[in-house]
Amino acid sequence: ELLASTADATPAREKPQTALINGRAKQTATLKIVSLNVQGSLNDRASQQLFVEELAARHVDIACLQETHARESTRADVGGYRLFLFPGVLVPGHEQHLCCRGVGFAVRAGLVADAAAVDTSSCVSRVALLIVRRQGMQPLRIAAAYAPLFKAPMAEIEAFYRLAAATRAHIVGGDWNVDGEAPGNRYPARVKAEYSGL
């Protein structure tokens, strides 16, 4: 489900500049984008207000969020940001993992952006896509991702990476749950070998 846009105007402080990209002059503008695992800390308005105050203090334009622990899709305007919070989707056999899932975004007011959760029946929702539209520029596709734990069944891991790659995102902010030191971890080699283009 595509949620409504955040705003209708490009903010004054985001001033496009011209840069040479592949030998051609193109307009660019700087955005500060971060990725944060919020561990379920945004489930009430007071917590959301404190969170966006921290983002504003650090001049963050967009935050990709993991582990929202949201129980339903939420869009909320809080302190100069729009929060898009998406829950994990209940899939038979995976009920015990629902509380650890959910992704989303915090988007500074003034940026024109649409967000949607990316779901499939084979993979609990761990990916959301944000499309940012800026005047005179190509839309920017940003994905928020929360990977399965390295001990998850390989089919779940592979479904997640296929889903993340299918977003065709220019930027992916995520919690990859890769622990290279963990015994029995098959994750890093598979990620490097098969998903290096993500």
Protein backbone atom coordinates (compact mmCIF):
# COMPACT_ATOMS: atom_id res chain seq x y z
CA GLU A 1 0.00 0.00 0.00
CA LEU A 2 1.46 3.34 -1.06
CA LEU A 3 1.22 6.02 1.58
CA ALA A 4 0.60 9.69 0.91
CA SER A 5 3.42 12.07 0.11
CA THR A 6 5.18 14.01 2.85
CA ALA A 7 4.96 17.47 1.30
CA ASP A 8 4.47 19.42 -1.89
CA ALA A 9 7.54 21.64 -1.96
CA THR A 10 11.29 21.26 -2.03
CA PRO A 11 12.74 22.85 1.14
CA ALA A 12 14.66 26.08 0.71
CA ARG A 13 17.79 24.74 2.41
CA GLU A 14 18.19 21.92 -0.09
CA LYS A 15 19.81 23.84 -2.93
CA PRO A 16 20.50 21.88 -6.13
CA GLN A 17 24.03 22.17 -7.44
CA THR A 18 25.49 21.21 -10.80
CA ALA A 19 28.03 18.39 -10.98
CA LEU A 20 29.69 16.45 -13.77
CA ILE A 21 28.46 12.84 -13.70
CA ASN A 22 29.69 10.54 -16.47
CA GLY A 23 30.76 13.59 -18.46
CA ARG A 24 27.35 15.26 -18.29
CA ALA A 25 26.23 18.21 -16.22
CA LYS A 26 23.53 17.11 -13.78
CA GLN A 27 21.84 18.76 -10.83
CA THR A 28 22.63 17.30 -7.42
CA ALA A 29 21.61 18.10 -3.87
CA THR A 30 23.00 16.82 -0.60
CA LEU A 31 20.85 14.67 1.67
CA LYS A 32 21.98 13.28 5.01
CA ILE A 33 20.76 9.66 5.19
CA VAL A 34 21.30 7.34 8.16
CA SER A 35 20.29 3.79 9.05
CA LEU A 36 19.14 2.91 12.58
CA ASN A 37 17.90 -0.19 14.37
CA VAL A 38 15.31 1.36 16.68
CA GLN A 39 14.54 -1.92 18.54
CA GLY A 40 10.87 -1.15 19.04
CA SER A 41 11.49 2.24 20.64
CA LEU A 42 8.99 4.22 18.53
CA ASN A 43 5.72 2.72 19.75
CA ASP A 44 4.41 5.83 21.52
CA ARG A 45 4.23 9.51 20.69
CA ALA A 46 6.65 10.65 23.40
CA SER A 47 9.34 8.26 22.16
CA GLN A 48 8.75 9.34 18.58
CA GLN A 49 9.14 13.01 19.60
CA LEU A 50 12.47 12.35 21.37
CA PHE A 51 13.67 10.36 18.36
CA VAL A 52 12.93 13.05 15.79
CA GLU A 53 14.50 15.70 18.03
CA GLU A 54 17.73 13.67 17.89
CA LEU A 55 17.45 13.43 14.10
CA ALA A 56 16.89 17.17 13.81
CA ALA A 57 19.84 17.94 16.09
CA ARG A 58 22.03 15.94 13.72
CA HIS A 59 20.49 17.49 10.58
CA VAL A 60 19.30 14.10 9.31
CA ASP A 61 17.07 14.25 6.23
CA ILE A 62 16.12 10.56 6.00
CA ALA A 63 16.52 7.70 8.45
CA CYS A 64 16.07 4.08 7.33
CA LEU A 65 14.63 2.17 10.29
CA GLN A 66 14.78 -1.48 11.32
CA GLU A 67 12.98 -3.39 14.09
CA THR A 68 10.06 -0.99 14.32
CA HIS A 69 8.04 -3.70 16.16
CA ALA A 70 4.99 -1.95 14.71
CA ARG A 71 1.76 -3.95 14.79
CA GLU A 72 0.22 -2.05 11.88
CA SER A 73 1.29 0.36 9.16
CA THR A 74 1.57 3.86 10.60
CA ARG A 75 2.12 7.28 9.10
CA ALA A 76 2.64 10.06 11.63
CA ASP A 77 3.82 13.65 11.43
CA VAL A 78 6.03 14.30 14.45
CA GLY A 79 8.24 17.31 15.13
CA GLY A 80 9.20 18.20 11.57
CA TYR A 81 9.42 14.61 10.31
CA ARG A 82 7.03 12.11 8.80
CA LEU A 83 7.36 8.59 10.18
CA PHE A 84 6.48 5.65 7.97
CA LEU A 85 6.42 2.51 10.15
CA PHE A 86 5.66 -0.92 8.70
CA PRO A 87 5.05 -4.10 10.69
CA GLY A 88 6.33 -7.57 10.09
CA VAL A 89 3.83 -9.73 8.25
CA LEU A 90 2.58 -12.83 10.03
CA VAL A 91 3.61 -15.88 7.99
CA PRO A 92 2.70 -19.43 9.12
CA GLY A 93 5.65 -21.04 10.85
CA HIS A 94 7.32 -17.69 11.61
CA GLU A 95 4.99 -16.27 14.30
CA GLN A 96 7.72 -16.23 16.95
CA HIS A 97 9.80 -13.78 14.88
CA LEU A 98 7.11 -11.14 14.31
CA CYS A 99 8.20 -8.93 17.23
CA CYS A 100 11.70 -8.58 15.73
CA ARG A 101 10.55 -7.39 12.35
CA GLY A 102 9.29 -4.24 10.81
CA VAL A 103 11.03 -1.51 8.87
CA GLY A 104 10.31 2.10 8.05
CA PHE A 105 11.56 5.62 7.49
CA ALA A 106 11.73 9.01 9.14
CA VAL A 107 11.62 11.72 6.47
CA ARG A 108 12.26 15.41 7.10
CA ALA A 109 9.25 17.61 6.41
CA GLY A 110 9.59 19.36 3.07
CA LEU A 111 10.90 16.35 1.17
CA VAL A 112 8.37 14.88 -1.23
CA ALA A 113 8.41 11.15 -0.59
CA ASP A 114 6.17 8.10 -0.86
CA ALA A 115 6.83 4.92 1.12
CA ALA A 116 5.55 1.37 0.73
CA ALA A 117 6.27 -1.91 2.46
CA VAL A 118 7.53 -4.63 0.14
CA ASP A 119 5.88 -7.96 0.92
CA THR A 120 5.81 -11.44 -0.55
CA SER A 121 4.11 -14.58 0.69
CA SER A 122 7.47 -16.33 0.93
CA CYS A 123 9.31 -13.76 3.04
CA VAL A 124 8.18 -12.00 6.20
CA SER A 125 8.14 -8.29 5.42
CA ARG A 126 11.65 -7.01 6.01
CA VAL A 127 11.95 -4.44 3.23
CA ALA A 128 10.34 -1.05 2.58
CA LEU A 129 10.92 1.32 -0.31
CA LEU A 130 10.98 5.12 -0.15
CA ILE A 131 10.83 7.15 -3.35
CA VAL A 132 12.03 10.73 -2.94
CA ARG A 133 11.06 13.23 -5.61
CA ARG A 134 13.11 16.40 -5.90
CA GLN A 135 12.54 19.24 -8.31
CA GLY A 136 14.53 18.87 -11.52
CA MET A 137 16.05 15.51 -10.48
CA GLN A 138 15.40 11.86 -11.04
CA PRO A 139 13.45 10.11 -8.26
CA LEU A 140 15.73 8.65 -5.60
CA ARG A 141 14.88 5.09 -4.48
CA ILE A 142 15.90 4.26 -0.90
CA ALA A 143 15.25 0.89 0.76
CA ALA A 144 15.14 0.06 4.46
CA ALA A 145 16.00 -3.57 5.12
CA TYR A 146 16.17 -5.93 8.08
CA ALA A 147 17.87 -9.21 7.19
CA PRO A 148 17.07 -12.59 8.74
CA LEU A 149 19.43 -13.78 11.44
CA PHE A 150 22.39 -15.77 10.13
CA LYS A 151 20.92 -18.96 11.64
CA ALA A 152 17.67 -18.57 9.68
CA PRO A 153 16.85 -21.16 7.00
CA MET A 154 18.80 -20.44 3.83
CA ALA A 155 15.55 -20.21 1.87
CA GLU A 156 14.45 -17.28 4.07
CA ILE A 157 17.83 -15.55 3.69
CA GLU A 158 17.78 -15.95 -0.08
CA ALA A 159 14.16 -14.73 -0.32
CA PHE A 160 15.12 -11.62 1.63
CA TYR A 161 18.02 -10.76 -0.69
CA ARG A 162 15.92 -11.35 -3.79
CA LEU A 163 13.29 -9.04 -2.35
CA ALA A 164 15.82 -6.35 -1.43
CA ALA A 165 17.43 -6.48 -4.88
CA ALA A 166 14.02 -6.26 -6.57
CA THR A 167 13.48 -2.78 -5.11
CA ARG A 168 16.16 -1.45 -7.50
CA ALA A 169 17.12 0.97 -4.75
CA HIS A 170 19.93 3.45 -5.25
CA ILE A 171 20.64 3.34 -1.50
CA VAL A 172 19.91 0.54 0.98
CA GLY A 173 20.05 1.26 4.72
CA GLY A 174 19.77 -1.88 6.76
CA ASP A 175 20.61 -4.18 9.60
CA TRP A 176 22.22 -7.14 7.86
CA ASN A 177 22.53 -9.44 10.89
CA VAL A 178 25.88 -10.74 9.68
CA ASP A 179 28.20 -12.00 12.40
CA GLY A 180 31.40 -13.18 10.76
CA GLU A 181 32.71 -14.65 14.03
CA ALA A 182 29.65 -16.74 14.89
CA PRO A 183 30.15 -20.53 14.67
CA GLY A 184 28.18 -22.18 11.90
CA ASN A 185 27.57 -18.90 10.11
CA ARG A 186 27.03 -19.45 6.40
CA TYR A 187 25.94 -15.87 5.78
CA PRO A 188 28.99 -13.73 4.89
CA ALA A 189 30.36 -15.92 2.09
CA ARG A 190 26.93 -16.24 0.49
CA VAL A 191 26.32 -12.52 0.76
CA LYS A 192 29.65 -11.58 -0.77
CA ALA A 193 29.51 -14.20 -3.50
CA GLU A 194 25.90 -13.89 -4.61
CA TYR A 195 24.61 -10.47 -3.58
CA SER A 196 27.58 -8.18 -4.06
CA GLY A 197 25.64 -6.09 -6.57
CA LEU A 198 22.87 -5.16 -4.14
